Amino acid sequence: MTPPAGREGGQGPSELVLRVASAALLVPLALAVIWLGGWPFAALAALCAMLLLREWSVIVGAGNAYMLAAFSHAGVLATLVLAMMSLVPWALALLFALAAVVFLAGLAFGRAPERWVSLGILYSGLTGIVLVLVREGHFGALLILFLFLVVWVTDIAAYFVGRRLGGPKLWRRVSPGKTWSGAVGGFLAALVAGYGVALAGGVSSPLAWVVASGLLSIFSQMGDLFESALKRRFGVKDSGRIIPGHGGVMDRIDGLVGAAILGYALALALGAPMLDPAAVLVQMKGL
């Protein structure tokens, strides 16, 4: 979930008011659920995953495939239940098997939308699973808040720096509004945020937090660009209209998706346990 500042493109005063009002309601709710953790947080992660998959299906032209929707949504929900029960290998195995079945079915019947839905299953399912694992691991509430903070700071700084400085476009064909100045501004702001969190927490190695915030900022911007590329591929402006002033859920948490999934993959590559990706920071004496 991102706060009201939004992306580098322009917006009118009325849209900004809607963004602020929506964020004023949703952000406190999200923070409360993060604090509670457990099944309430898992339910929020599951809701986000279900909405992501629904919006993805609509974008790729499979919005009216009701049997496919029921099958894929039920499967993704089952993977999140398994993750919450600490059965992560089973959750991941089920998720990839589900995606493979949908892809092969689309291939067999010559239906391109179904093949695209298989990627959406991974996109939404991995997001939910990773969020659950981070929250249930060591320092779960702190790490989830840190993840949200980096994504928010990156998004807000990229918006204001990009509007202020302008300059060369980051990837004009995919996202004409984003600039290199905004991307760099978001990255630098995330580094500052990471250092601030380390100082506030009195950790022994602030560098670990700075490095983590920089990587997550890059992953967040990659997630943003990925969603932009998907929408441009299918000629869609917004992923949905469920959040007033913000568009769809995917429009708001695409950066969080990128930071969560790619951050989790990097943590595993660095030797973190599958059930506790935050252990990397512990190993680096960052906690």
Protein backbone atom coordinates (compact mmCIF):
# COMPACT_ATOMS: atom_id res chain seq x y z
CA MET A 1 0.00 0.00 0.00
CA THR A 2 1.38 3.40 -0.92
CA PRO A 3 0.51 6.76 0.64
CA PRO A 4 -1.15 9.61 -1.22
CA ALA A 5 1.75 11.23 -3.05
CA GLY A 6 1.54 8.75 -5.91
CA ARG A 7 3.59 8.44 -9.11
CA GLU A 8 5.51 10.95 -11.16
CA GLY A 9 2.66 11.70 -13.51
CA GLY A 10 0.44 14.73 -12.95
CA GLN A 11 -2.86 14.65 -11.09
CA GLY A 12 -5.64 17.13 -10.35
CA PRO A 13 -6.57 18.54 -6.93
CA SER A 14 -9.73 16.40 -6.70
CA GLU A 15 -7.77 13.20 -7.29
CA LEU A 16 -5.22 14.23 -4.66
CA VAL A 17 -8.04 14.82 -2.14
CA LEU A 18 -9.39 11.32 -2.86
CA ARG A 19 -5.92 9.85 -2.44
CA VAL A 20 -5.40 11.55 0.91
CA ALA A 21 -8.85 10.56 2.18
CA SER A 22 -8.41 6.93 1.12
CA ALA A 23 -4.95 6.73 2.66
CA ALA A 24 -6.21 8.30 5.90
CA LEU A 25 -8.61 5.36 6.24
CA LEU A 26 -6.52 2.51 4.88
CA VAL A 27 -3.07 3.19 6.33
CA PRO A 28 -4.16 3.10 10.03
CA LEU A 29 -6.10 -0.10 9.34
CA ALA A 30 -3.07 -1.71 7.70
CA LEU A 31 -0.80 -0.65 10.57
CA ALA A 32 -3.21 -2.09 13.14
CA VAL A 33 -3.34 -5.45 11.35
CA ILE A 34 0.46 -5.49 11.04
CA TRP A 35 0.70 -4.96 14.78
CA LEU A 36 -1.75 -7.80 15.49
CA GLY A 37 0.03 -10.26 13.19
CA GLY A 38 -1.07 -13.90 13.18
CA TRP A 39 -4.24 -14.82 11.35
CA PRO A 40 -5.53 -11.20 11.06
CA PHE A 41 -2.41 -10.26 9.11
CA ALA A 42 -2.59 -13.50 7.10
CA ALA A 43 -6.19 -12.62 6.21
CA LEU A 44 -5.07 -9.18 4.99
CA ALA A 45 -2.27 -10.77 2.94
CA ALA A 46 -4.78 -13.25 1.49
CA LEU A 47 -7.19 -10.45 0.59
CA CYS A 48 -4.41 -8.56 -1.18
CA ALA A 49 -3.40 -11.71 -3.06
CA MET A 50 -7.01 -12.40 -4.14
CA LEU A 51 -7.45 -8.83 -5.38
CA LEU A 52 -4.10 -8.87 -7.16
CA LEU A 53 -5.04 -12.07 -8.98
CA ARG A 54 -8.47 -10.71 -9.90
CA GLU A 55 -7.04 -7.48 -11.29
CA TRP A 56 -4.30 -9.36 -13.14
CA SER A 57 -6.93 -11.62 -14.74
CA VAL A 58 -8.96 -8.63 -15.89
CA ILE A 59 -5.87 -6.91 -17.35
CA VAL A 60 -4.88 -9.95 -19.43
CA GLY A 61 -8.43 -10.50 -20.70
CA ALA A 62 -9.47 -13.45 -18.52
CA GLY A 63 -11.87 -11.52 -16.31
CA ASN A 64 -14.91 -13.49 -17.51
CA ALA A 65 -13.34 -16.94 -17.19
CA TYR A 66 -15.26 -17.81 -14.03
CA MET A 67 -14.20 -21.45 -13.70
CA LEU A 68 -10.57 -20.43 -14.11
CA ALA A 69 -11.03 -17.67 -11.54
CA ALA A 70 -12.57 -20.04 -8.98
CA PHE A 71 -9.82 -22.62 -9.50
CA SER A 72 -6.92 -20.17 -9.38
CA HIS A 73 -8.22 -18.10 -6.45
CA ALA A 74 -8.96 -21.21 -4.36
CA GLY A 75 -5.49 -22.56 -5.11
CA VAL A 76 -3.72 -19.34 -4.15
CA LEU A 77 -5.75 -19.12 -0.95
CA ALA A 78 -4.76 -22.69 -0.08
CA THR A 79 -1.06 -21.83 -0.50
CA LEU A 80 -1.42 -18.96 1.99
CA VAL A 81 -3.06 -21.25 4.54
CA LEU A 82 -0.17 -23.69 4.15
CA ALA A 83 2.34 -20.83 4.58
CA MET A 84 0.60 -19.70 7.75
CA MET A 85 0.89 -23.26 9.05
CA SER A 86 4.67 -23.09 8.37
CA LEU A 87 4.35 -25.65 5.56
CA VAL A 88 6.26 -23.39 3.18
CA PRO A 89 7.75 -26.04 0.85
CA TRP A 90 4.24 -27.44 0.35
CA ALA A 91 2.86 -23.94 -0.20
CA LEU A 92 5.44 -23.15 -2.88
CA ALA A 93 5.08 -26.56 -4.50
CA LEU A 94 1.30 -26.13 -4.70
CA LEU A 95 1.65 -22.60 -6.07
CA PHE A 96 4.02 -23.57 -8.88
CA ALA A 97 1.99 -26.70 -9.66
CA LEU A 98 -1.16 -24.59 -9.88
CA ALA A 99 0.55 -22.13 -12.24
CA ALA A 100 1.86 -25.00 -14.37
CA VAL A 101 -1.59 -26.60 -14.68
CA VAL A 102 -3.19 -23.32 -15.75
CA PHE A 103 -0.41 -22.61 -18.24
CA LEU A 104 -0.60 -26.09 -19.80
CA ALA A 105 -4.39 -25.89 -20.00
CA GLY A 106 -4.12 -22.57 -21.80
CA LEU A 107 -1.52 -24.05 -24.13
CA ALA A 108 -3.63 -27.11 -24.84
CA PHE A 109 -6.74 -25.09 -25.66
CA GLY A 110 -4.88 -22.30 -27.42
CA ARG A 111 -5.99 -19.60 -24.99
CA ALA A 112 -3.42 -16.88 -24.40
CA PRO A 113 -5.24 -15.21 -21.46
CA GLU A 114 -5.10 -18.43 -19.44
CA ARG A 115 -1.37 -18.67 -20.05
CA TRP A 116 -0.97 -15.13 -18.72
CA VAL A 117 -3.07 -15.99 -15.68
CA SER A 118 -0.48 -18.62 -14.74
CA LEU A 119 2.04 -15.81 -14.23
CA GLY A 120 -0.55 -13.87 -12.23
CA ILE A 121 -0.93 -16.86 -9.92
CA LEU A 122 2.78 -16.68 -9.11
CA TYR A 123 2.69 -12.89 -8.83
CA SER A 124 -0.18 -12.84 -6.34
CA GLY A 125 0.61 -16.06 -4.47
CA LEU A 126 4.27 -15.27 -3.86
CA THR A 127 3.33 -11.81 -2.61
CA GLY A 128 0.96 -13.22 -0.01
CA ILE A 129 3.32 -16.01 1.06
CA VAL A 130 6.33 -13.71 1.48
CA LEU A 131 4.38 -11.13 3.48
CA VAL A 132 3.15 -13.87 5.83
CA LEU A 133 6.65 -15.32 6.25
CA VAL A 134 8.23 -11.95 7.01
CA ARG A 135 5.55 -11.08 9.57
CA GLU A 136 5.79 -14.49 11.28
CA GLY A 137 9.60 -14.48 11.40
CA HIS A 138 12.03 -12.75 13.76
CA PHE A 139 11.14 -9.09 14.40
CA GLY A 140 8.18 -9.60 12.05
CA ALA A 141 6.23 -6.42 12.80
CA LEU A 142 9.37 -4.28 12.60
CA LEU A 143 10.48 -5.84 9.31
CA ILE A 144 7.07 -5.47 7.67
CA LEU A 145 6.93 -1.82 8.74
CA PHE A 146 10.46 -1.34 7.43
CA LEU A 147 9.45 -2.88 4.11
CA PHE A 148 6.42 -0.59 3.88
CA LEU A 149 8.50 2.43 4.87
CA VAL A 150 11.13 1.85 2.18
CA VAL A 151 8.46 1.41 -0.50
CA TRP A 152 6.55 4.50 0.64
CA VAL A 153 9.64 6.69 0.89
CA THR A 154 10.88 5.53 -2.51
CA ASP A 155 7.52 6.24 -4.13
CA ILE A 156 7.04 9.65 -2.54
CA ALA A 157 10.60 10.86 -3.15
CA ALA A 158 10.56 9.61 -6.75
CA TYR A 159 7.34 11.52 -7.35
CA PHE A 160 8.49 14.85 -5.96
CA VAL A 161 12.09 14.71 -7.22
CA GLY A 162 10.92 13.60 -10.66
CA ARG A 163 8.40 16.43 -10.89
CA ARG A 164 10.92 18.96 -9.61
CA LEU A 165 13.99 18.01 -11.64
CA GLY A 166 12.54 16.20 -14.65
CA GLY A 167 15.20 15.08 -17.11
CA PRO A 168 15.69 11.89 -19.12
CA LYS A 169 12.95 9.28 -18.92
CA LEU A 170 13.63 6.07 -17.05
CA TRP A 171 11.84 3.85 -19.59
CA ARG A 172 9.77 6.01 -21.91
CA ARG A 173 8.12 3.18 -23.83
CA VAL A 174 6.80 1.53 -20.67
CA SER A 175 6.23 4.43 -18.28
CA PRO A 176 6.56 7.88 -19.90
CA GLY A 177 6.12 9.76 -16.61
CA LYS A 178 9.05 8.23 -14.73
CA THR A 179 12.47 9.88 -14.84
CA TRP A 180 15.99 8.91 -13.87
CA SER A 181 16.06 11.83 -11.45
CA GLY A 182 12.98 10.46 -9.70
CA ALA A 183 14.43 6.95 -9.56
CA VAL A 184 17.70 8.18 -8.06
CA GLY A 185 15.85 10.49 -5.66
CA GLY A 186 13.71 7.60 -4.45
CA PHE A 187 16.77 5.39 -3.99
CA LEU A 188 18.69 8.02 -1.99
CA ALA A 189 15.67 8.77 0.18
CA ALA A 190 15.35 5.05 0.96
CA LEU A 191 19.01 4.97 2.07
CA VAL A 192 18.35 7.85 4.45
CA ALA A 193 15.23 6.10 5.76
CA GLY A 194 17.19 2.89 6.36
CA TYR A 195 19.87 4.75 8.26
CA GLY A 196 17.22 6.55 10.32
CA VAL A 197 15.59 3.24 11.28
CA ALA A 198 18.98 1.84 12.29
CA LEU A 199 19.74 4.87 14.48
CA ALA A 200 16.29 4.78 16.09
CA GLY A 201 16.66 1.08 16.83
CA GLY A 202 20.21 1.39 18.15
CA VAL A 203 21.40 -1.58 16.07
CA SER A 204 25.03 -2.63 16.03
CA SER A 205 25.41 -2.42 12.23
CA PRO A 206 23.49 0.47 10.58
CA LEU A 207 25.17 -0.43 7.29
CA ALA A 208 23.07 -3.61 7.05
CA TRP A 209 19.88 -1.53 7.15
CA VAL A 210 21.20 0.98 4.62
CA VAL A 211 22.17 -1.78 2.20
CA ALA A 212 18.82 -3.54 2.71
CA SER A 213 16.86 -0.33 2.15
CA GLY A 214 18.80 0.42 -1.03
CA LEU A 215 18.18 -3.03 -2.47
CA LEU A 216 14.50 -2.96 -1.52
CA SER A 217 14.16 0.48 -3.11
CA ILE A 218 15.56 -0.86 -6.39
CA PHE A 219 13.29 -3.92 -6.21
CA SER A 220 10.32 -1.67 -5.47
CA GLN A 221 10.96 0.41 -8.58
CA MET A 222 11.40 -2.76 -10.63
CA GLY A 223 7.99 -3.93 -9.40
CA ASP A 224 6.50 -0.61 -10.40
CA LEU A 225 7.98 -0.84 -13.90
CA PHE A 226 6.87 -4.46 -14.26
CA GLU A 227 3.24 -3.53 -13.62
CA SER A 228 3.52 -0.58 -16.01
CA ALA A 229 4.88 -2.90 -18.70
CA LEU A 230 2.04 -5.38 -18.14
CA LYS A 231 -0.64 -2.69 -18.41
CA ARG A 232 0.96 -1.19 -21.51
CA ARG A 233 1.17 -4.66 -23.09
CA PHE A 234 -2.61 -5.00 -22.74
CA GLY A 235 -3.53 -1.35 -23.25
CA VAL A 236 -4.88 -0.81 -19.72
CA LYS A 237 -4.50 2.45 -17.79
CA ASP A 238 -5.46 1.37 -14.26
CA SER A 239 -5.53 -2.13 -12.78
CA GLY A 240 -8.93 -1.38 -11.19
CA ARG A 241 -11.06 1.19 -9.39
CA ILE A 242 -11.48 -0.37 -5.99
CA ILE A 243 -9.64 2.39 -4.08
CA PRO A 244 -10.99 5.92 -4.67
CA GLY A 245 -8.29 8.13 -6.13
CA HIS A 246 -5.78 5.28 -6.25
CA GLY A 247 -7.09 2.93 -8.94
CA GLY A 248 -6.65 -0.76 -8.26
CA VAL A 249 -4.81 -2.66 -5.56
CA MET A 250 -2.06 -3.57 -8.02
CA ASP A 251 -1.56 0.11 -8.82
CA ARG A 252 -0.93 0.79 -5.13
CA ILE A 253 1.21 -2.16 -4.08
CA ASP A 254 3.17 -3.01 -7.23
CA GLY A 255 6.30 -1.61 -5.57
CA LEU A 256 5.62 -3.62 -2.43
CA VAL A 257 5.20 -6.75 -4.56
CA GLY A 258 8.57 -6.20 -6.23
CA ALA A 259 10.35 -5.46 -2.95
CA ALA A 260 8.77 -8.44 -1.17
CA ILE A 261 9.30 -11.12 -3.83
CA LEU A 262 12.76 -10.05 -5.03
CA GLY A 263 13.88 -9.29 -1.47
CA TYR A 264 12.80 -12.77 -0.36
CA ALA A 265 14.61 -14.39 -3.29
CA LEU A 266 17.80 -12.48 -2.43
CA ALA A 267 17.50 -13.42 1.25
CA LEU A 268 17.27 -17.10 0.31
CA ALA A 269 20.28 -16.71 -2.00
CA LEU A 270 22.23 -15.24 0.92
CA GLY A 271 21.43 -18.27 3.07
CA ALA A 272 18.37 -17.17 5.05
CA PRO A 273 16.02 -19.95 6.22
CA MET A 274 12.92 -20.33 4.05
CA LEU A 275 10.69 -19.66 7.08
CA ASP A 276 12.59 -16.61 8.28
CA PRO A 277 13.97 -14.37 5.50
CA ALA A 278 14.76 -11.60 8.03
CA ALA A 279 17.46 -13.84 9.50
CA VAL A 280 19.84 -12.30 6.96
CA LEU A 281 19.75 -9.02 8.86
CA VAL A 282 20.36 -10.89 12.10
CA GLN A 283 23.38 -12.62 10.54
CA MET A 284 24.71 -9.22 9.40
CA LYS A 285 24.36 -8.00 13.00
CA GLY A 286 21.74 -5.55 11.85
CA LEU A 287 19.37 -6.56 14.66
